[in-house]
Amino acid sequence: MAAPSMAAALAASLPAAPVAAAPAAPTYQAIPASMSKVIDIEADIALNVVQLDALVVTKIIKHAREAPSTTAHGLLLGLDLDGVLEVSNSFPLPHHSGDEAEKGSKTIARHQASMLRSLKEVQADDSVVGFYQATTLGAFFNQTLLETQAIHQDKLRHGGIVIVHDLSQTAKGNASFRAFRLTPAFFDAYKRSNFSTASLISHRLTFSSILEEVPLKIRTNPLLSSFLGRLAESDNSAPESTGGGASALEPTFSVLDLGTAGLTRNLEQIVESVEAYRTEEGNLSYLSRQIARERAKADAYVAKRKEENQARIAQGLAPLPEEDVARLFKIPPEPSRLESLLLLGQIDAYGKSLEGTASTGLVKMYGAKAGSGEKE
C-alpha cells in the first residue's frame, strides 16, 4: 500500500473549516396604531380624480343589465395614489328585499368577506375604495345610498366614492358613469343625526349640497383601444360580393329614434315624486302643529305657576316648587327633514332628465320634418 503524500498529511492535520450558519429570516415589526397616520403620507393628499378601468365599466354594465330593476350594486376595488383613485376591479353584491332584508344583510357580509379573501389569495386588488349603484332617469337620491356612503366615508382612508350608473342613458347608447361623495357639511349633520330646520340652516344644506361630484375618467389599455378602433374601421380589403367596405359592427339605427319613448315614464316619475313630497310635507306640518300645541300648554303652565308663586310671596307664603315641564308634557322632537331633501333631489333629477330627453327629441323632430319636405 502506497504511503500518503505530504500534502495529504498536512491537509489532514489542519482543523476543519467552520460551517457557515444559515441566515436568520428577517423579522418585521407591525406599525403601532398611533404612528399609522404619521407614516401614511398618501392620506394627506386630497382626492382629485377617479380613474375607472374599462374592465370595471363592462362589469357594471353587464350586472345592471342582468339585475332586475335598479337593484344592481356592488363593491369597487382599487388603490388611491397621488390624488388619483384607481378603480381596477369590482364584484356584484346579492340583493334582498322585503322580509329577507335582515337575513340578506348577513348573506351580503359573508359574500363580501368570501370574495375579498379569494381575491387576496390570487394576489388581486382587495382594497375596497367604494361601491357602485345602478339608477334610472338620473334619480339616485335615497337613504340607503347615503347610509352606505357614510359608512365608507367614515371607515375608508379617502372616504371612498360611489359610482352611479344610469340605465336609461345606457339604453340610448350613452354610457353614463358619475362619481360622488358626501359633502363635509352633510357628513357632519349625518354624524350628529340632526336634520332639523336649525341644523339645515346652520350647515347651509339643500338637496344640491348633499353630494359633491368628483371628476371621473375611463382608462383603456392600448390593446383594447386598438381592438375597438379596428372594429369601427371599414374593411376595404374584403371583396364587394361579401360586403366589402362594411364595418365589423352591425349597423345601428338608434340615431333615427326621435327619443320620445321615455317621456311618458319620465312624467309619471315626476308626478309620483311630487305627490310623495306633498305627503311628506303634510306629515311634517301635522307634527309641527302638534309640537306647537304641546309647547303652548307647557308655556301656559309655567306662566300660571309663576303667577301663583308671585301671589303666594305677596301673601307671605312660601312659593311652590318648580316642576319638570319635560316630564309633565311630552313634547315630541322636531322631525327630520332629510326625506324632504331627498325627494326634492329626485324631482330635480327627473326634471333634468326630462329636459335633456325633450330637447334632443324636439331637435330630431324638426330635423325629420325638414327631411320629409313638409311645409307649414
Protein backbone atom coordinates (compact mmCIF):
# COMPACT_ATOMS: atom_id res chain seq x y z
CA MET A 1 0.00 0.00 0.00
CA ALA A 2 1.44 3.43 -1.01
CA ALA A 3 2.26 5.93 1.75
CA PRO A 4 0.15 9.09 1.83
CA SER A 5 1.68 12.17 0.29
CA MET A 6 2.98 15.13 2.24
CA ALA A 7 0.10 17.37 1.01
CA ALA A 8 -2.50 14.86 2.18
CA ALA A 9 -0.84 14.60 5.59
CA LEU A 10 -0.79 18.38 6.04
CA ALA A 11 -4.44 18.67 4.96
CA ALA A 12 -5.46 16.03 7.48
CA SER A 13 -3.66 17.85 10.29
CA LEU A 14 -5.45 21.17 9.65
CA PRO A 15 -8.68 21.92 11.60
CA ALA A 16 -11.98 21.56 9.74
CA ALA A 17 -13.45 24.78 8.24
CA PRO A 18 -16.37 26.17 10.20
CA VAL A 19 -19.78 25.65 8.61
CA ALA A 20 -21.48 28.96 7.82
CA ALA A 21 -24.71 29.35 9.72
CA ALA A 22 -27.89 29.85 7.67
CA PRO A 23 -29.01 33.48 7.69
CA ALA A 24 -31.90 34.11 10.01
CA ALA A 25 -35.20 35.08 8.43
CA PRO A 26 -35.88 38.81 8.74
CA THR A 27 -38.49 39.81 11.25
CA TYR A 28 -40.89 42.72 10.67
CA GLN A 29 -42.50 44.65 13.44
CA ALA A 30 -46.03 45.92 12.98
CA ILE A 31 -46.51 49.68 12.80
CA PRO A 32 -48.12 50.96 16.01
CA ALA A 33 -51.62 52.28 15.60
CA SER A 34 -50.54 55.65 17.00
CA MET A 35 -47.97 56.03 14.19
CA SER A 36 -50.05 54.76 11.26
CA LYS A 37 -51.42 58.20 10.39
CA VAL A 38 -47.96 59.79 10.60
CA ILE A 39 -46.41 57.25 8.21
CA ASP A 40 -49.40 57.18 5.80
CA ILE A 41 -48.40 60.11 3.58
CA GLU A 42 -50.99 59.33 0.88
CA ALA A 43 -53.83 60.03 3.32
CA ASP A 44 -52.88 63.73 3.37
CA ILE A 45 -53.17 64.09 -0.43
CA ALA A 46 -56.63 65.20 -1.48
CA LEU A 47 -58.56 63.04 -3.92
CA ASN A 48 -58.80 64.90 -7.24
CA VAL A 49 -59.97 62.38 -9.85
CA VAL A 50 -61.40 58.87 -10.14
CA GLN A 51 -59.87 56.60 -12.80
CA LEU A 52 -62.22 53.81 -13.83
CA ASP A 53 -60.78 50.82 -15.63
CA ALA A 54 -62.56 49.62 -18.78
CA LEU A 55 -62.99 46.17 -17.21
CA VAL A 56 -64.96 47.72 -14.35
CA VAL A 57 -67.16 49.62 -16.83
CA THR A 58 -68.11 46.45 -18.69
CA LYS A 59 -68.76 44.51 -15.46
CA ILE A 60 -71.05 47.24 -14.10
CA ILE A 61 -72.98 47.48 -17.37
CA LYS A 62 -73.38 43.70 -17.53
CA HIS A 63 -74.57 43.47 -13.92
CA ALA A 64 -77.02 46.37 -14.34
CA ARG A 65 -78.48 44.80 -17.48
CA GLU A 66 -78.98 41.39 -15.88
CA ALA A 67 -80.26 42.57 -12.48
CA PRO A 68 -83.97 43.28 -12.01
CA SER A 69 -84.97 46.95 -11.97
CA THR A 70 -82.36 49.26 -10.36
CA THR A 71 -81.16 46.83 -7.68
CA ALA A 72 -77.68 46.35 -9.14
CA HIS A 73 -74.99 47.35 -6.66
CA GLY A 74 -71.55 46.11 -5.74
CA LEU A 75 -68.13 46.98 -4.35
CA LEU A 76 -65.28 48.78 -6.08
CA LEU A 77 -61.68 47.68 -5.54
CA GLY A 78 -58.51 49.56 -6.29
CA LEU A 79 -55.88 51.90 -4.92
CA ASP A 80 -55.56 55.62 -4.27
CA LEU A 81 -52.22 57.02 -5.36
CA ASP A 82 -51.08 60.63 -5.62
CA GLY A 83 -54.60 62.08 -5.59
CA VAL A 84 -55.97 59.58 -8.15
CA LEU A 85 -58.37 56.85 -7.08
CA GLU A 86 -57.67 53.96 -9.45
CA VAL A 87 -60.61 51.53 -9.61
CA SER A 88 -59.25 48.33 -11.14
CA ASN A 89 -61.88 45.72 -10.24
CA SER A 90 -65.39 45.24 -8.90
CA PHE A 91 -67.81 42.49 -7.96
CA PRO A 92 -71.60 42.49 -7.51
CA LEU A 93 -73.42 42.02 -4.23
CA PRO A 94 -76.64 39.99 -3.84
CA HIS A 95 -79.88 41.90 -3.40
CA HIS A 96 -82.61 41.04 -0.91
CA SER A 97 -85.85 42.93 -0.30
CA GLY A 98 -88.95 42.68 1.82
CA ASP A 99 -88.94 40.09 4.59
CA GLU A 100 -85.49 38.82 3.59
CA ALA A 101 -83.76 42.17 4.28
CA GLU A 102 -82.47 41.21 7.74
CA LYS A 103 -81.29 37.78 6.58
CA GLY A 104 -79.91 39.32 3.41
CA SER A 105 -77.55 41.66 5.29
CA LYS A 106 -75.79 38.66 6.83
CA THR A 107 -75.64 36.94 3.45
CA ILE A 108 -74.11 40.05 1.87
CA ALA A 109 -71.50 40.28 4.63
CA ARG A 110 -70.48 36.64 4.18
CA HIS A 111 -70.38 37.00 0.39
CA GLN A 112 -68.24 40.14 0.65
CA ALA A 113 -65.77 38.51 3.05
CA SER A 114 -65.52 35.41 0.86
CA MET A 115 -64.88 37.42 -2.31
CA LEU A 116 -62.22 39.61 -0.69
CA ARG A 117 -60.49 36.53 0.74
CA SER A 118 -60.48 34.81 -2.67
CA LEU A 119 -59.09 37.91 -4.38
CA LYS A 120 -56.33 38.14 -1.79
CA GLU A 121 -55.36 34.51 -2.37
CA VAL A 122 -54.77 35.17 -6.08
CA GLN A 123 -52.92 38.42 -5.26
CA ALA A 124 -55.52 40.66 -6.89
CA ASP A 125 -56.63 44.06 -5.63
CA ASP A 126 -58.68 43.52 -2.49
CA SER A 127 -58.81 47.08 -1.09
CA VAL A 128 -62.35 48.46 -1.03
CA VAL A 129 -62.48 52.04 -2.33
CA GLY A 130 -66.26 52.48 -2.68
CA PHE A 131 -69.33 50.97 -4.28
CA TYR A 132 -71.48 51.37 -7.38
CA GLN A 133 -75.24 51.74 -7.77
CA ALA A 134 -77.46 51.46 -10.83
CA THR A 135 -80.22 54.01 -11.27
CA THR A 136 -82.69 55.18 -13.89
CA LEU A 137 -83.51 58.66 -15.20
CA GLY A 138 -80.72 60.10 -13.06
CA ALA A 139 -82.63 59.82 -9.75
CA PHE A 140 -80.35 58.18 -7.19
CA PHE A 141 -81.22 60.14 -4.02
CA ASN A 142 -82.24 57.64 -1.35
CA GLN A 143 -81.36 56.97 2.27
CA THR A 144 -79.79 53.56 1.57
CA LEU A 145 -77.19 55.10 -0.74
CA LEU A 146 -76.41 57.88 1.73
CA GLU A 147 -76.08 55.48 4.67
CA THR A 148 -73.75 53.16 2.75
CA GLN A 149 -71.61 56.06 1.56
CA ALA A 150 -71.49 57.49 5.10
CA ILE A 151 -70.14 54.17 6.41
CA HIS A 152 -67.48 54.06 3.68
CA GLN A 153 -66.61 57.71 4.18
CA ASP A 154 -66.07 57.08 7.89
CA LYS A 155 -64.05 53.86 7.54
CA LEU A 156 -62.01 54.24 4.35
CA ARG A 157 -58.89 56.37 4.08
CA HIS A 158 -60.07 58.83 1.47
CA GLY A 159 -63.74 58.33 2.31
CA GLY A 160 -64.50 56.21 -0.74
CA ILE A 161 -66.73 57.13 -3.63
CA VAL A 162 -69.99 55.93 -5.13
CA ILE A 163 -70.25 55.36 -8.89
CA VAL A 164 -73.75 55.99 -10.24
CA HIS A 165 -74.64 54.23 -13.48
CA ASP A 166 -77.73 55.50 -15.34
CA LEU A 167 -79.54 52.68 -17.15
CA SER A 168 -81.78 54.99 -19.17
CA GLN A 169 -78.79 56.75 -20.74
CA THR A 170 -77.02 53.46 -21.48
CA ALA A 171 -80.12 52.19 -23.29
CA LYS A 172 -79.78 55.18 -25.63
CA GLY A 173 -76.16 54.36 -26.37
CA ASN A 174 -74.61 56.84 -23.93
CA ALA A 175 -72.91 55.02 -21.07
CA SER A 176 -73.38 57.29 -18.05
CA PHE A 177 -70.98 57.00 -15.09
CA ARG A 178 -70.66 59.65 -12.39
CA ALA A 179 -68.65 59.64 -9.15
CA PHE A 180 -69.94 61.24 -5.93
CA ARG A 181 -69.08 61.58 -2.27
CA LEU A 182 -70.79 63.26 0.68
CA THR A 183 -70.05 66.91 1.35
CA PRO A 184 -68.38 67.76 4.68
CA ALA A 185 -71.44 69.76 5.80
CA PHE A 186 -73.87 66.89 5.20
CA PHE A 187 -71.49 64.33 6.72
CA ASP A 188 -71.23 66.43 9.89
CA ALA A 189 -75.03 66.68 10.15
CA TYR A 190 -75.35 62.94 9.50
CA LYS A 191 -72.92 62.06 12.29
CA ARG A 192 -74.94 64.26 14.64
CA SER A 193 -78.19 62.64 13.38
CA ASN A 194 -79.71 66.11 13.29
CA PHE A 195 -81.63 67.26 10.24
CA SER A 196 -83.90 69.79 11.92
CA THR A 197 -84.63 73.19 10.43
CA ALA A 198 -81.97 74.86 12.60
CA SER A 199 -79.37 72.26 11.60
CA LEU A 200 -80.14 72.67 7.89
CA ILE A 201 -79.77 76.43 8.21
CA SER A 202 -76.51 76.24 10.18
CA HIS A 203 -74.99 73.72 7.75
CA ARG A 204 -76.49 75.50 4.71
CA LEU A 205 -77.86 72.23 3.42
CA THR A 206 -80.07 71.87 0.36
CA PHE A 207 -80.66 68.88 -1.90
CA SER A 208 -77.88 70.12 -4.20
CA SER A 209 -75.30 70.23 -1.38
CA ILE A 210 -75.73 66.65 -0.14
CA LEU A 211 -73.29 65.13 -2.64
CA GLU A 212 -70.32 66.57 -4.46
CA GLU A 213 -69.24 65.20 -7.83
CA VAL A 214 -65.68 64.02 -8.38
CA PRO A 215 -64.15 64.14 -11.90
CA LEU A 216 -64.14 60.71 -13.50
CA LYS A 217 -62.17 59.33 -16.43
CA ILE A 218 -62.14 55.87 -18.02
CA ARG A 219 -58.82 54.20 -18.75
CA THR A 220 -58.38 51.63 -21.51
CA ASN A 221 -55.16 49.78 -22.28
CA PRO A 222 -53.59 50.22 -25.75
CA LEU A 223 -54.55 46.69 -26.85
CA LEU A 224 -58.24 47.26 -26.11
CA SER A 225 -58.19 50.68 -27.76
CA SER A 226 -56.67 49.14 -30.88
CA PHE A 227 -59.29 46.39 -30.92
CA LEU A 228 -62.19 48.86 -30.60
CA GLY A 229 -60.69 51.04 -33.32
CA ARG A 230 -60.35 48.01 -35.59
CA LEU A 231 -64.00 47.11 -35.06
CA ALA A 232 -65.13 50.59 -36.04
CA GLU A 233 -62.97 50.72 -39.17
CA SER A 234 -64.33 49.63 -42.54
CA ASP A 235 -62.78 46.52 -44.07
CA ASN A 236 -61.74 47.69 -47.56
CA SER A 237 -59.75 44.53 -48.29
CA ALA A 238 -62.84 42.28 -48.37
CA PRO A 239 -64.40 41.57 -51.76
CA GLU A 240 -67.52 43.51 -52.71
CA SER A 241 -69.56 40.30 -53.02
CA THR A 242 -69.12 39.70 -49.30
CA GLY A 243 -70.00 43.23 -48.36
CA GLY A 244 -66.57 44.82 -48.62
CA GLY A 245 -66.21 48.25 -47.03
CA ALA A 246 -68.65 47.48 -44.22
CA SER A 247 -67.73 47.82 -40.55
CA ALA A 248 -67.25 44.78 -38.35
CA LEU A 249 -70.01 46.17 -36.11
CA GLU A 250 -73.62 45.73 -37.11
CA PRO A 251 -75.33 48.91 -38.35
CA THR A 252 -77.45 50.74 -35.79
CA PHE A 253 -80.45 52.94 -36.43
CA SER A 254 -80.66 54.44 -32.95
CA VAL A 255 -79.95 57.90 -34.35
CA LEU A 256 -83.27 57.73 -36.21
CA ASP A 257 -85.18 57.29 -32.95
CA LEU A 258 -86.94 60.54 -32.06
CA GLY A 259 -86.36 59.85 -28.36
CA THR A 260 -89.96 60.28 -27.22
CA ALA A 261 -90.47 56.74 -25.91
CA GLY A 262 -89.39 57.53 -22.33
CA LEU A 263 -91.18 60.86 -21.94
CA THR A 264 -94.35 59.29 -20.53
CA ARG A 265 -92.44 57.29 -17.93
CA ASN A 266 -90.39 60.35 -17.03
CA LEU A 267 -93.51 62.45 -16.48
CA GLU A 268 -95.05 59.70 -14.36
CA GLN A 269 -91.95 59.61 -12.16
CA ILE A 270 -92.10 63.38 -11.69
CA VAL A 271 -95.77 63.25 -10.71
CA GLU A 272 -95.12 60.40 -8.24
CA SER A 273 -92.20 62.27 -6.67
CA VAL A 274 -94.24 65.46 -6.33
CA GLU A 275 -97.08 63.53 -4.67
CA ALA A 276 -94.62 61.87 -2.29
CA TYR A 277 -93.15 65.27 -1.46
CA ARG A 278 -96.59 66.74 -0.76
CA THR A 279 -97.40 63.80 1.53
CA GLU A 280 -94.12 64.23 3.41
CA GLU A 281 -94.69 67.97 3.79
CA GLY A 282 -98.19 67.27 5.09
CA ASN A 283 -96.80 64.91 7.72
CA LEU A 284 -94.19 67.46 8.75
CA SER A 285 -96.84 70.18 9.05
CA TYR A 286 -99.01 67.95 11.25
CA LEU A 287 -96.07 67.13 13.53
CA SER A 288 -95.09 70.82 13.69
CA ARG A 289 -98.60 71.79 14.76
CA GLN A 290 -98.59 69.07 17.41
CA ILE A 291 -95.25 70.30 18.77
CA ALA A 292 -96.56 73.87 18.84
CA ARG A 293 -99.66 72.81 20.81
CA GLU A 294 -97.60 70.93 23.41
CA ARG A 295 -95.19 73.84 23.77
CA ALA A 296 -98.10 76.26 24.21
CA LYS A 297 -99.50 74.08 27.00
CA ALA A 298 -96.09 73.97 28.70
CA ASP A 299 -95.63 77.74 28.40
CA ALA A 300 -99.12 78.34 29.79
CA TYR A 301 -98.40 76.02 32.73
CA VAL A 302 -95.11 77.79 33.51
CA ALA A 303 -96.77 81.24 33.31
CA LYS A 304 -99.59 80.13 35.61
CA ARG A 305 -97.13 78.71 38.16
CA LYS A 306 -95.20 82.00 38.15
CA GLU A 307 -98.39 83.97 38.83
CA GLU A 308 -99.30 81.63 41.69
CA ASN A 309 -95.84 81.99 43.22
CA GLN A 310 -95.99 85.78 42.97
CA ALA A 311 -99.37 85.76 44.71
CA ARG A 312 -98.07 83.47 47.48
CA ILE A 313 -95.00 85.63 48.00
CA ALA A 314 -97.25 88.69 48.29
CA GLN A 315 -99.25 86.87 50.98
CA GLY A 316 -96.06 85.89 52.80
CA LEU A 317 -96.29 82.23 51.88
CA ALA A 318 -93.52 80.01 50.54
CA PRO A 319 -93.55 79.63 46.71
CA LEU A 320 -94.49 76.36 45.16
CA PRO A 321 -91.58 74.18 43.96
CA GLU A 322 -90.81 74.26 40.26
CA GLU A 323 -91.70 71.06 38.44
CA ASP A 324 -90.04 69.48 35.44
CA VAL A 325 -92.03 70.64 32.42
CA ALA A 326 -90.47 67.98 30.17
CA ARG A 327 -91.85 65.29 32.49
CA LEU A 328 -95.35 66.75 32.63
CA PHE A 329 -95.67 67.48 28.90
CA LYS A 330 -94.39 65.04 26.31
CA ILE A 331 -93.09 67.46 23.69
CA PRO A 332 -92.03 65.40 20.65
CA PRO A 333 -88.71 66.26 18.99
CA GLU A 334 -88.64 68.16 15.74
CA PRO A 335 -88.96 65.72 12.82
CA SER A 336 -86.13 65.12 10.40
CA ARG A 337 -86.30 66.90 7.06
CA LEU A 338 -83.87 64.56 5.32
CA GLU A 339 -86.62 62.73 3.43
CA SER A 340 -87.90 66.06 2.06
CA LEU A 341 -84.41 66.91 0.82
CA LEU A 342 -84.09 63.56 -0.91
CA LEU A 343 -87.48 63.90 -2.59
CA LEU A 344 -86.55 67.36 -3.85
CA GLY A 345 -83.34 65.86 -5.24
CA GLN A 346 -85.34 63.17 -7.06
CA ILE A 347 -87.69 65.77 -8.56
CA ASP A 348 -84.71 67.82 -9.73
CA ALA A 349 -83.04 64.74 -11.28
CA TYR A 350 -86.23 63.71 -13.10
CA GLY A 351 -86.68 67.27 -14.34
CA LYS A 352 -83.15 67.45 -15.73
CA SER A 353 -83.58 64.06 -17.42
CA LEU A 354 -86.86 65.23 -18.97
CA GLU A 355 -85.20 68.43 -20.15
CA GLY A 356 -82.41 66.54 -21.90
CA THR A 357 -84.73 63.98 -23.49
CA ALA A 358 -87.30 66.53 -24.64
CA SER A 359 -84.74 68.94 -26.09
CA THR A 360 -82.99 66.19 -28.06
CA GLY A 361 -86.31 64.77 -29.28
CA LEU A 362 -87.50 68.23 -30.32
CA VAL A 363 -84.41 68.80 -32.45
CA LYS A 364 -84.81 65.37 -34.08
CA MET A 365 -88.48 66.02 -34.80
CA TYR A 366 -87.68 69.33 -36.53
CA GLY A 367 -84.93 67.54 -38.50
CA ALA A 368 -87.31 64.76 -39.52
CA LYS A 369 -89.91 67.31 -40.57
CA ALA A 370 -87.38 69.21 -42.66
CA GLY A 371 -86.13 65.98 -44.23
CA SER A 372 -89.61 64.89 -45.21
CA GLY A 373 -90.13 68.09 -47.20
CA GLU A 374 -93.31 69.11 -45.38
CA LYS A 375 -94.21 72.78 -45.33
CA GLU A 376 -96.04 74.61 -42.59
